[in-house]
Amino acid sequence: MQTIQMVIDEDLLTEADRAARQAGLNRSALLREALRGYLKRLDVRDKERRDREGYERYPDTEPELTGWEKVAVWPED
């Protein structure tokens, strides 16, 4: 692991320390976990964007969709 320095405002630091205590983590572990979560969300957002762009470029055609209607099971209300 690498040691880093960061600048953070006092209120955010207080909230982070409180959250770390509640989670049973130290400050560094909380920030690592938060950064991992943020990076994961960015990755998911990027994959969703690429999927959306792909479907916009190559939309499903009617024959591709009708085959699934025969095997689809819809929940009853």
N, C-alpha and C. Protein backbone atom coordinates (compact mmCIF):
# COMPACT_ATOMS: atom_id res chain seq x y z
N MET A 1 0.83 -1.18 0.00
CA MET A 1 0.00 0.00 0.00
C MET A 1 0.87 1.24 0.00
N GLN A 2 0.28 2.30 -0.54
CA GLN A 2 0.96 3.59 -0.59
C GLN A 2 0.32 4.52 0.42
N THR A 3 1.13 5.39 0.97
CA THR A 3 0.62 6.43 1.85
C THR A 3 0.44 7.69 1.02
N ILE A 4 -0.71 8.35 1.19
CA ILE A 4 -0.98 9.57 0.44
C ILE A 4 -1.40 10.67 1.42
N GLN A 5 -1.37 11.88 0.95
CA GLN A 5 -1.90 13.01 1.70
C GLN A 5 -3.07 13.56 0.91
N MET A 6 -4.05 14.05 1.62
CA MET A 6 -5.17 14.68 0.93
C MET A 6 -5.67 15.84 1.76
N VAL A 7 -6.25 16.79 1.10
CA VAL A 7 -6.83 17.95 1.76
C VAL A 7 -8.34 17.73 1.80
N ILE A 8 -8.92 17.91 2.98
CA ILE A 8 -10.35 17.68 3.16
C ILE A 8 -10.87 18.71 4.14
N ASP A 9 -12.07 19.22 3.90
CA ASP A 9 -12.56 20.25 4.82
C ASP A 9 -12.97 19.61 6.15
N GLU A 10 -12.97 20.43 7.16
CA GLU A 10 -13.17 19.96 8.55
C GLU A 10 -14.50 19.24 8.75
N ASP A 11 -15.59 19.78 8.17
CA ASP A 11 -16.90 19.15 8.33
C ASP A 11 -16.95 17.76 7.71
N LEU A 12 -16.37 17.64 6.52
CA LEU A 12 -16.35 16.34 5.86
C LEU A 12 -15.50 15.34 6.63
N LEU A 13 -14.39 15.80 7.18
CA LEU A 13 -13.54 14.93 7.99
C LEU A 13 -14.28 14.45 9.24
N THR A 14 -15.01 15.34 9.87
CA THR A 14 -15.79 14.97 11.05
C THR A 14 -16.82 13.91 10.70
N GLU A 15 -17.53 14.11 9.58
CA GLU A 15 -18.52 13.12 9.15
C GLU A 15 -17.87 11.80 8.80
N ALA A 16 -16.72 11.84 8.14
CA ALA A 16 -16.01 10.62 7.78
C ALA A 16 -15.57 9.86 9.03
N ASP A 17 -15.04 10.57 10.00
CA ASP A 17 -14.62 9.91 11.24
C ASP A 17 -15.80 9.28 11.97
N ARG A 18 -16.92 9.98 11.98
CA ARG A 18 -18.13 9.44 12.61
C ARG A 18 -18.59 8.16 11.88
N ALA A 19 -18.61 8.21 10.56
CA ALA A 19 -19.01 7.05 9.77
C ALA A 19 -18.05 5.88 9.97
N ALA A 20 -16.76 6.18 10.06
CA ALA A 20 -15.76 5.13 10.27
C ALA A 20 -15.99 4.45 11.62
N ARG A 21 -16.23 5.24 12.66
CA ARG A 21 -16.50 4.65 13.98
C ARG A 21 -17.74 3.77 13.95
N GLN A 22 -18.80 4.25 13.31
CA GLN A 22 -20.03 3.48 13.23
C GLN A 22 -19.85 2.18 12.46
N ALA A 23 -18.99 2.19 11.48
CA ALA A 23 -18.73 1.00 10.66
C ALA A 23 -17.65 0.11 11.26
N GLY A 24 -17.01 0.57 12.33
CA GLY A 24 -15.94 -0.21 12.95
C GLY A 24 -14.67 -0.23 12.10
N LEU A 25 -14.45 0.86 11.37
CA LEU A 25 -13.28 0.97 10.50
C LEU A 25 -12.42 2.13 10.96
N ASN A 26 -11.17 2.12 10.53
CA ASN A 26 -10.38 3.32 10.74
C ASN A 26 -10.60 4.25 9.54
N ARG A 27 -10.13 5.45 9.63
CA ARG A 27 -10.35 6.44 8.59
C ARG A 27 -9.84 5.96 7.24
N SER A 28 -8.66 5.40 7.21
CA SER A 28 -8.09 4.95 5.93
C SER A 28 -8.94 3.86 5.30
N ALA A 29 -9.40 2.91 6.10
CA ALA A 29 -10.22 1.82 5.57
C ALA A 29 -11.54 2.38 5.01
N LEU A 30 -12.13 3.34 5.72
CA LEU A 30 -13.37 3.95 5.24
C LEU A 30 -13.14 4.63 3.90
N LEU A 31 -12.07 5.40 3.78
CA LEU A 31 -11.80 6.10 2.53
C LEU A 31 -11.48 5.14 1.39
N ARG A 32 -10.76 4.06 1.68
CA ARG A 32 -10.49 3.04 0.65
C ARG A 32 -11.80 2.42 0.17
N GLU A 33 -12.68 2.07 1.12
CA GLU A 33 -13.96 1.47 0.76
C GLU A 33 -14.81 2.44 -0.05
N ALA A 34 -14.82 3.70 0.36
CA ALA A 34 -15.60 4.71 -0.36
C ALA A 34 -15.05 4.89 -1.78
N LEU A 35 -13.74 4.91 -1.93
CA LEU A 35 -13.15 5.08 -3.25
C LEU A 35 -13.43 3.87 -4.13
N ARG A 36 -13.35 2.68 -3.57
CA ARG A 36 -13.70 1.47 -4.34
C ARG A 36 -15.14 1.54 -4.82
N GLY A 37 -16.05 1.95 -3.95
CA GLY A 37 -17.46 2.06 -4.33
C GLY A 37 -17.66 3.09 -5.44
N TYR A 38 -16.99 4.21 -5.31
CA TYR A 38 -17.09 5.26 -6.33
C TYR A 38 -16.57 4.76 -7.68
N LEU A 39 -15.42 4.10 -7.67
CA LEU A 39 -14.85 3.60 -8.92
C LEU A 39 -15.73 2.52 -9.53
N LYS A 40 -16.36 1.70 -8.71
CA LYS A 40 -17.28 0.67 -9.20
C LYS A 40 -18.49 1.33 -9.87
N ARG A 41 -19.04 2.36 -9.23
CA ARG A 41 -20.17 3.08 -9.83
C ARG A 41 -19.79 3.71 -11.17
N LEU A 42 -18.58 4.27 -11.26
CA LEU A 42 -18.12 4.82 -12.53
C LEU A 42 -18.04 3.75 -13.60
N ASP A 43 -17.55 2.58 -13.23
CA ASP A 43 -17.43 1.46 -14.17
C ASP A 43 -18.80 1.02 -14.66
N VAL A 44 -19.74 0.87 -13.73
CA VAL A 44 -21.10 0.46 -14.11
C VAL A 44 -21.73 1.52 -15.01
N ARG A 45 -21.57 2.79 -14.66
CA ARG A 45 -22.12 3.88 -15.48
C ARG A 45 -21.53 3.85 -16.89
N ASP A 46 -20.22 3.57 -16.99
CA ASP A 46 -19.58 3.51 -18.31
C ASP A 46 -20.11 2.33 -19.11
N LYS A 47 -20.27 1.19 -18.47
CA LYS A 47 -20.81 0.01 -19.17
C LYS A 47 -22.25 0.26 -19.62
N GLU A 48 -23.06 0.89 -18.78
CA GLU A 48 -24.43 1.21 -19.17
C GLU A 48 -24.45 2.17 -20.35
N ARG A 49 -23.56 3.15 -20.34
CA ARG A 49 -23.47 4.10 -21.45
C ARG A 49 -23.11 3.39 -22.75
N ARG A 50 -22.11 2.49 -22.67
CA ARG A 50 -21.70 1.76 -23.88
C ARG A 50 -22.82 0.86 -24.39
N ASP A 51 -23.55 0.20 -23.47
CA ASP A 51 -24.69 -0.62 -23.88
C ASP A 51 -25.74 0.23 -24.58
N ARG A 52 -26.07 1.37 -23.97
CA ARG A 52 -27.07 2.26 -24.53
C ARG A 52 -26.66 2.72 -25.93
N GLU A 53 -25.40 3.11 -26.07
CA GLU A 53 -24.91 3.55 -27.38
C GLU A 53 -24.96 2.41 -28.39
N GLY A 54 -24.62 1.21 -27.95
CA GLY A 54 -24.67 0.06 -28.85
C GLY A 54 -26.08 -0.23 -29.32
N TYR A 55 -27.06 -0.18 -28.40
CA TYR A 55 -28.44 -0.42 -28.79
C TYR A 55 -28.98 0.71 -29.67
N GLU A 56 -28.48 1.92 -29.48
CA GLU A 56 -28.90 3.01 -30.35
C GLU A 56 -28.34 2.83 -31.75
N ARG A 57 -27.10 2.36 -31.85
CA ARG A 57 -26.48 2.12 -33.16
C ARG A 57 -27.08 0.91 -33.85
N TYR A 58 -27.35 -0.15 -33.08
CA TYR A 58 -27.85 -1.40 -33.62
C TYR A 58 -29.10 -1.83 -32.84
N PRO A 59 -30.23 -1.16 -33.07
CA PRO A 59 -31.43 -1.50 -32.30
C PRO A 59 -31.92 -2.91 -32.64
N ASP A 60 -32.63 -3.50 -31.69
CA ASP A 60 -33.23 -4.81 -31.93
C ASP A 60 -34.24 -4.69 -33.06
N THR A 61 -34.32 -5.74 -33.86
CA THR A 61 -35.31 -5.75 -34.93
C THR A 61 -36.52 -6.55 -34.47
N GLU A 62 -37.61 -6.34 -35.12
CA GLU A 62 -38.86 -7.01 -34.74
C GLU A 62 -38.71 -8.54 -34.73
N PRO A 63 -38.11 -9.17 -35.75
CA PRO A 63 -37.97 -10.64 -35.69
C PRO A 63 -37.16 -11.12 -34.47
N GLU A 64 -36.17 -10.35 -34.05
CA GLU A 64 -35.39 -10.74 -32.88
C GLU A 64 -36.24 -10.72 -31.62
N LEU A 65 -37.18 -9.81 -31.54
CA LEU A 65 -37.99 -9.65 -30.35
C LEU A 65 -39.15 -10.64 -30.29
N THR A 66 -39.74 -10.96 -31.42
CA THR A 66 -40.94 -11.80 -31.40
C THR A 66 -40.65 -13.22 -30.94
N GLY A 67 -39.47 -13.72 -31.15
CA GLY A 67 -39.15 -15.07 -30.71
C GLY A 67 -39.20 -15.23 -29.20
N TRP A 68 -38.89 -14.19 -28.49
CA TRP A 68 -38.88 -14.25 -27.02
C TRP A 68 -40.28 -14.22 -26.42
N GLU A 69 -41.23 -13.67 -27.14
CA GLU A 69 -42.59 -13.60 -26.62
C GLU A 69 -43.17 -14.98 -26.34
N LYS A 70 -42.74 -15.97 -27.10
CA LYS A 70 -43.26 -17.33 -26.93
C LYS A 70 -42.75 -17.99 -25.65
N VAL A 71 -41.59 -17.58 -25.18
CA VAL A 71 -41.01 -18.22 -23.98
C VAL A 71 -41.05 -17.34 -22.74
N ALA A 72 -41.48 -16.11 -22.91
CA ALA A 72 -41.52 -15.19 -21.78
C ALA A 72 -42.64 -15.60 -20.82
N VAL A 73 -42.34 -15.54 -19.54
CA VAL A 73 -43.34 -15.81 -18.52
C VAL A 73 -43.53 -14.52 -17.75
N TRP A 74 -44.74 -14.01 -17.75
CA TRP A 74 -45.03 -12.76 -17.07
C TRP A 74 -45.73 -13.06 -15.77
N PRO A 75 -45.34 -12.38 -14.71
CA PRO A 75 -46.01 -12.62 -13.40
C PRO A 75 -47.46 -12.17 -13.47
N GLU A 76 -48.31 -12.88 -12.74
CA GLU A 76 -49.69 -12.50 -12.70
C GLU A 76 -49.87 -11.39 -11.68
N ASP A 77 -50.82 -10.50 -11.95
CA ASP A 77 -51.08 -9.38 -11.03
C ASP A 77 -51.77 -9.84 -9.79
